[in-house]
């Protein structure tokens, strides 16, 4: 079994994620039922930011997985090799490649 690694990094995509979530929270917080009437400009911002934020979210998520692929392959983290007691093998690297292959074509924008 692989031992966990203590390597922690703050990728550039993490900054995109933080900025994206703050934009989304600011435009969506005015739609809370306790506020009553929502200004039309905030409604426009709330629904039009989706077209910018959704693709950046997809590319930042897949970019993080792509950047981590060499580390996954070299470390065997979260992988289970055969032979073992339960006679089951799992390779996180190849599952991540499969997820990347299925994730991008599934986006419908």
N, C-alpha and C. Protein backbone atom coordinates (compact mmCIF):
# COMPACT_ATOMS: atom_id res chain seq x y z
N UNK A 1 0.83 -1.17 0.00
CA UNK A 1 0.00 0.00 0.00
C UNK A 1 0.88 1.24 0.00
N UNK A 2 0.44 2.27 -0.65
CA UNK A 2 1.23 3.49 -0.74
C UNK A 2 1.05 4.32 0.52
N UNK A 3 2.12 5.01 0.90
CA UNK A 3 2.03 5.90 2.05
C UNK A 3 1.70 7.30 1.58
N UNK A 4 0.90 8.04 2.34
CA UNK A 4 0.53 9.39 1.91
C UNK A 4 1.74 10.31 1.86
N UNK A 5 1.72 11.22 0.93
CA UNK A 5 2.79 12.19 0.78
C UNK A 5 2.40 13.49 1.48
N UNK A 6 3.38 14.28 1.87
CA UNK A 6 3.11 15.52 2.59
C UNK A 6 3.37 16.72 1.68
N UNK A 7 3.36 16.54 0.40
CA UNK A 7 3.62 17.63 -0.53
C UNK A 7 2.34 18.45 -0.74
N UNK A 8 2.41 19.74 -0.45
CA UNK A 8 1.26 20.63 -0.62
C UNK A 8 1.68 21.81 -1.47
N UNK A 9 0.89 22.10 -2.47
CA UNK A 9 1.20 23.22 -3.36
C UNK A 9 -0.05 24.04 -3.57
N UNK A 10 0.11 25.32 -3.84
CA UNK A 10 -1.01 26.20 -4.17
C UNK A 10 -0.89 26.54 -5.66
N UNK A 11 -1.62 25.83 -6.51
CA UNK A 11 -1.52 26.10 -7.94
C UNK A 11 -2.21 27.41 -8.32
N UNK A 12 -1.88 27.90 -9.50
CA UNK A 12 -2.50 29.13 -9.98
C UNK A 12 -3.99 28.95 -10.16
N UNK A 13 -4.43 27.75 -10.50
CA UNK A 13 -5.85 27.51 -10.68
C UNK A 13 -6.62 27.68 -9.38
N UNK A 14 -5.97 27.50 -8.26
CA UNK A 14 -6.62 27.72 -6.98
C UNK A 14 -7.05 29.16 -6.80
N UNK A 15 -6.23 30.09 -7.30
CA UNK A 15 -6.59 31.50 -7.22
C UNK A 15 -7.80 31.79 -8.11
N UNK A 16 -7.86 31.16 -9.26
CA UNK A 16 -9.02 31.33 -10.13
C UNK A 16 -10.28 30.84 -9.44
N UNK A 17 -10.17 29.71 -8.75
CA UNK A 17 -11.32 29.12 -8.08
C UNK A 17 -11.83 30.05 -6.98
N UNK A 18 -10.92 30.66 -6.21
CA UNK A 18 -11.32 31.55 -5.13
C UNK A 18 -12.00 32.80 -5.69
N UNK A 19 -11.45 33.36 -6.75
CA UNK A 19 -12.06 34.54 -7.35
C UNK A 19 -13.41 34.24 -7.96
N UNK A 20 -13.50 33.09 -8.60
CA UNK A 20 -14.74 32.68 -9.23
C UNK A 20 -15.85 32.49 -8.20
N UNK A 21 -15.53 31.85 -7.09
CA UNK A 21 -16.56 31.61 -6.08
C UNK A 21 -16.99 32.92 -5.42
N UNK A 22 -16.09 33.89 -5.28
CA UNK A 22 -16.49 35.15 -4.68
C UNK A 22 -17.38 35.96 -5.62
N UNK A 23 -17.13 35.88 -6.92
CA UNK A 23 -18.00 36.56 -7.89
C UNK A 23 -19.38 35.93 -7.86
N UNK A 24 -19.41 34.63 -7.84
CA UNK A 24 -20.69 33.91 -7.83
C UNK A 24 -21.47 34.19 -6.55
N UNK A 25 -20.79 34.23 -5.41
CA UNK A 25 -21.46 34.49 -4.14
C UNK A 25 -22.01 35.90 -4.08
N UNK A 26 -21.26 36.86 -4.61
CA UNK A 26 -21.72 38.26 -4.58
C UNK A 26 -22.95 38.46 -5.44
N UNK A 27 -22.99 37.81 -6.59
CA UNK A 27 -24.14 38.00 -7.47
C UNK A 27 -25.34 37.17 -7.04
N UNK A 28 -25.13 36.10 -6.30
CA UNK A 28 -26.24 35.25 -5.89
C UNK A 28 -26.79 35.57 -4.52
N UNK A 29 -26.03 36.32 -3.70
CA UNK A 29 -26.49 36.58 -2.34
C UNK A 29 -27.70 37.49 -2.30
N UNK A 30 -27.89 38.31 -3.30
CA UNK A 30 -29.04 39.22 -3.30
C UNK A 30 -30.34 38.48 -3.62
N UNK A 31 -30.25 37.24 -4.06
CA UNK A 31 -31.44 36.46 -4.41
C UNK A 31 -31.98 35.67 -3.23
N UNK A 32 -31.48 35.94 -2.06
CA UNK A 32 -31.98 35.27 -0.86
C UNK A 32 -33.39 35.76 -0.57
N UNK A 33 -34.33 34.88 -0.18
CA UNK A 33 -35.72 35.29 0.01
C UNK A 33 -35.93 36.39 1.05
N UNK A 34 -35.01 36.54 2.00
CA UNK A 34 -35.22 37.54 3.04
C UNK A 34 -34.98 38.96 2.54
N UNK A 35 -34.36 39.14 1.37
CA UNK A 35 -34.10 40.48 0.85
C UNK A 35 -35.30 41.09 0.12
N UNK A 36 -36.24 40.28 -0.28
CA UNK A 36 -37.42 40.82 -0.97
C UNK A 36 -37.16 40.98 -2.46
N UNK A 37 -37.15 42.21 -2.94
CA UNK A 37 -37.02 42.51 -4.36
C UNK A 37 -35.54 42.51 -4.77
N UNK A 38 -35.26 41.92 -5.91
CA UNK A 38 -33.89 41.86 -6.43
C UNK A 38 -33.74 42.89 -7.54
N UNK A 39 -32.67 43.70 -7.49
CA UNK A 39 -32.43 44.66 -8.58
C UNK A 39 -32.18 43.93 -9.91
N UNK A 40 -32.74 44.44 -11.01
CA UNK A 40 -32.58 43.77 -12.31
C UNK A 40 -31.11 43.63 -12.75
N UNK A 41 -30.28 44.60 -12.39
CA UNK A 41 -28.87 44.51 -12.78
C UNK A 41 -28.21 43.29 -12.12
N UNK A 42 -28.51 43.03 -10.86
CA UNK A 42 -27.93 41.87 -10.20
C UNK A 42 -28.46 40.56 -10.77
N UNK A 43 -29.70 40.56 -11.21
CA UNK A 43 -30.25 39.36 -11.87
C UNK A 43 -29.51 39.11 -13.17
N UNK A 44 -29.26 40.16 -13.93
CA UNK A 44 -28.51 40.03 -15.18
C UNK A 44 -27.10 39.52 -14.92
N UNK A 45 -26.45 40.07 -13.91
CA UNK A 45 -25.08 39.65 -13.58
C UNK A 45 -25.08 38.19 -13.13
N UNK A 46 -26.06 37.81 -12.32
CA UNK A 46 -26.10 36.44 -11.80
C UNK A 46 -26.19 35.42 -12.93
N UNK A 47 -27.05 35.66 -13.89
CA UNK A 47 -27.25 34.66 -14.93
C UNK A 47 -26.29 34.79 -16.11
N UNK A 48 -25.66 35.92 -16.28
CA UNK A 48 -24.71 36.05 -17.39
C UNK A 48 -23.29 35.66 -17.00
N UNK A 49 -22.96 35.71 -15.70
CA UNK A 49 -21.61 35.29 -15.30
C UNK A 49 -21.41 33.79 -15.47
N UNK A 50 -22.50 33.04 -15.56
CA UNK A 50 -22.39 31.59 -15.77
C UNK A 50 -21.60 31.28 -17.04
N UNK A 51 -21.80 32.04 -18.09
CA UNK A 51 -21.15 31.75 -19.38
C UNK A 51 -19.64 31.98 -19.32
N UNK A 52 -19.18 32.78 -18.39
CA UNK A 52 -17.75 32.99 -18.22
C UNK A 52 -17.18 32.04 -17.18
N UNK A 53 -17.91 31.87 -16.08
CA UNK A 53 -17.37 31.10 -14.96
C UNK A 53 -17.38 29.60 -15.19
N UNK A 54 -18.36 29.08 -15.91
CA UNK A 54 -18.45 27.65 -16.13
C UNK A 54 -17.25 27.10 -16.93
N UNK A 55 -16.91 27.70 -18.07
CA UNK A 55 -15.73 27.19 -18.80
C UNK A 55 -14.42 27.37 -18.02
N UNK A 56 -14.28 28.48 -17.29
CA UNK A 56 -13.04 28.63 -16.51
C UNK A 56 -12.98 27.59 -15.41
N UNK A 57 -14.11 27.21 -14.84
CA UNK A 57 -14.13 26.16 -13.83
C UNK A 57 -13.74 24.82 -14.40
N UNK A 58 -14.26 24.51 -15.57
CA UNK A 58 -13.93 23.24 -16.21
C UNK A 58 -12.43 23.17 -16.52
N UNK A 59 -11.91 24.23 -17.11
CA UNK A 59 -10.50 24.20 -17.49
C UNK A 59 -9.57 24.26 -16.28
N UNK A 60 -9.97 24.92 -15.21
CA UNK A 60 -9.10 24.91 -14.03
C UNK A 60 -9.12 23.55 -13.35
N UNK A 61 -10.28 22.89 -13.28
CA UNK A 61 -10.34 21.56 -12.68
C UNK A 61 -9.53 20.54 -13.49
N UNK A 62 -9.74 20.53 -14.80
CA UNK A 62 -9.00 19.58 -15.63
C UNK A 62 -7.52 19.93 -15.67
N UNK A 63 -7.20 21.22 -15.60
CA UNK A 63 -5.80 21.63 -15.57
C UNK A 63 -5.09 21.15 -14.32
N UNK A 64 -5.79 21.19 -13.18
CA UNK A 64 -5.19 20.70 -11.94
C UNK A 64 -4.93 19.20 -12.01
N UNK A 65 -5.86 18.46 -12.58
CA UNK A 65 -5.67 17.01 -12.71
C UNK A 65 -4.52 16.73 -13.67
N UNK A 66 -4.46 17.47 -14.78
CA UNK A 66 -3.39 17.27 -15.77
C UNK A 66 -2.02 17.56 -15.17
N UNK A 67 -1.93 18.63 -14.38
CA UNK A 67 -0.64 18.97 -13.76
C UNK A 67 -0.24 17.92 -12.73
N UNK A 68 -1.22 17.30 -12.08
CA UNK A 68 -0.92 16.31 -11.04
C UNK A 68 -0.63 14.92 -11.60
N UNK A 69 -0.87 14.68 -12.89
CA UNK A 69 -0.68 13.35 -13.46
C UNK A 69 0.74 12.79 -13.26
N UNK A 70 1.80 13.54 -13.53
CA UNK A 70 3.14 12.97 -13.31
C UNK A 70 3.39 12.59 -11.84
N UNK A 71 2.88 13.39 -10.92
CA UNK A 71 3.03 13.07 -9.51
C UNK A 71 2.26 11.80 -9.15
N UNK A 72 1.06 11.66 -9.70
CA UNK A 72 0.25 10.46 -9.44
C UNK A 72 0.95 9.21 -9.94
N UNK A 73 1.51 9.30 -11.14
CA UNK A 73 2.17 8.13 -11.73
C UNK A 73 3.42 7.74 -10.96
N UNK A 74 4.16 8.72 -10.50
CA UNK A 74 5.41 8.44 -9.79
C UNK A 74 5.22 7.99 -8.36
N UNK A 75 4.16 8.41 -7.71
CA UNK A 75 4.01 8.13 -6.28
C UNK A 75 3.14 6.92 -5.97
N UNK A 76 2.29 6.50 -6.91
CA UNK A 76 1.33 5.41 -6.67
C UNK A 76 0.40 5.72 -5.49
N UNK A 77 0.15 6.98 -5.23
CA UNK A 77 -0.74 7.39 -4.17
C UNK A 77 -2.17 6.99 -4.52
N UNK A 78 -2.89 6.44 -3.59
CA UNK A 78 -4.28 5.97 -3.74
C UNK A 78 -4.40 4.84 -4.77
N UNK A 79 -3.35 4.09 -4.98
CA UNK A 79 -3.37 2.95 -5.88
C UNK A 79 -3.20 1.67 -5.09
N UNK A 80 -3.81 0.64 -5.58
CA UNK A 80 -3.73 -0.67 -4.93
C UNK A 80 -3.21 -1.67 -5.96
N UNK A 81 -2.07 -2.26 -5.68
CA UNK A 81 -1.42 -3.16 -6.63
C UNK A 81 -1.78 -4.61 -6.34
N UNK A 82 -1.80 -5.41 -7.39
CA UNK A 82 -2.02 -6.85 -7.26
C UNK A 82 -0.67 -7.53 -7.10
N UNK A 83 -0.55 -8.65 -6.51
CA UNK A 83 -1.54 -9.43 -5.76
C UNK A 83 -1.71 -8.85 -4.36
N UNK A 84 -2.92 -8.97 -3.84
CA UNK A 84 -3.23 -8.56 -2.48
C UNK A 84 -4.32 -9.46 -1.91
N UNK A 85 -4.75 -9.21 -0.69
CA UNK A 85 -5.71 -10.08 -0.02
C UNK A 85 -7.07 -10.12 -0.72
N UNK A 86 -7.50 -9.00 -1.25
CA UNK A 86 -8.83 -8.96 -1.85
C UNK A 86 -8.80 -9.22 -3.36
N UNK A 87 -7.62 -9.43 -3.91
CA UNK A 87 -7.46 -9.75 -5.33
C UNK A 87 -8.10 -8.69 -6.22
N UNK A 88 -7.78 -7.45 -5.94
CA UNK A 88 -8.34 -6.31 -6.67
C UNK A 88 -7.25 -5.29 -6.89
N UNK A 89 -7.16 -4.77 -8.10
CA UNK A 89 -6.19 -3.75 -8.41
C UNK A 89 -6.86 -2.45 -8.80
N UNK A 90 -6.27 -1.33 -8.39
CA UNK A 90 -6.80 0.00 -8.70
C UNK A 90 -5.64 0.93 -8.93
N UNK A 91 -5.68 1.66 -10.02
CA UNK A 91 -4.63 2.63 -10.32
C UNK A 91 -5.26 3.99 -10.50
N UNK A 92 -4.97 4.89 -9.58
CA UNK A 92 -5.56 6.23 -9.58
C UNK A 92 -5.14 7.03 -10.81
N UNK A 93 -3.94 6.80 -11.30
CA UNK A 93 -3.44 7.50 -12.48
C UNK A 93 -4.33 7.21 -13.70
N UNK A 94 -4.63 5.94 -13.94
CA UNK A 94 -5.43 5.60 -15.12
C UNK A 94 -6.90 5.98 -14.96
N UNK A 95 -7.40 5.96 -13.74
CA UNK A 95 -8.77 6.42 -13.50
C UNK A 95 -8.85 7.93 -13.75
N UNK A 96 -7.82 8.66 -13.37
CA UNK A 96 -7.79 10.11 -13.62
C UNK A 96 -7.71 10.40 -15.12
N UNK A 97 -6.93 9.61 -15.85
CA UNK A 97 -6.89 9.78 -17.31
C UNK A 97 -8.26 9.52 -17.93
N UNK A 98 -8.93 8.49 -17.46
CA UNK A 98 -10.27 8.18 -17.96
C UNK A 98 -11.24 9.31 -17.63
N UNK A 99 -11.15 9.83 -16.42
CA UNK A 99 -12.03 10.94 -16.03
C UNK A 99 -11.77 12.17 -16.88
N UNK A 100 -10.51 12.46 -17.19
CA UNK A 100 -10.20 13.59 -18.07
C UNK A 100 -10.78 13.37 -19.46
N UNK A 101 -10.69 12.15 -19.95
CA UNK A 101 -11.22 11.84 -21.27
C UNK A 101 -12.73 11.94 -21.36
N UNK A 102 -13.40 11.65 -20.25
CA UNK A 102 -14.86 11.71 -20.24
C UNK A 102 -15.39 13.08 -19.83
N UNK A 103 -14.62 13.83 -19.08
CA UNK A 103 -15.10 15.09 -18.50
C UNK A 103 -15.25 16.19 -19.54
N UNK A 104 -14.24 16.38 -20.36
CA UNK A 104 -14.27 17.49 -21.33
C UNK A 104 -15.31 17.26 -22.42
N UNK A 105 -15.42 16.08 -23.05
CA UNK A 105 -16.45 15.94 -24.08
C UNK A 105 -17.88 16.01 -23.51
N UNK A 106 -18.05 15.77 -22.22
CA UNK A 106 -19.38 15.79 -21.62
C UNK A 106 -19.90 17.21 -21.42
N UNK A 107 -19.02 18.21 -21.48
CA UNK A 107 -19.47 19.59 -21.28
C UNK A 107 -20.25 20.03 -22.50
N UNK A 108 -21.39 20.61 -22.26
CA UNK A 108 -22.26 21.00 -23.38
C UNK A 108 -22.47 22.49 -23.42
N UNK A 109 -21.46 23.22 -23.79
CA UNK A 109 -21.59 24.67 -23.97
C UNK A 109 -21.45 25.07 -25.41
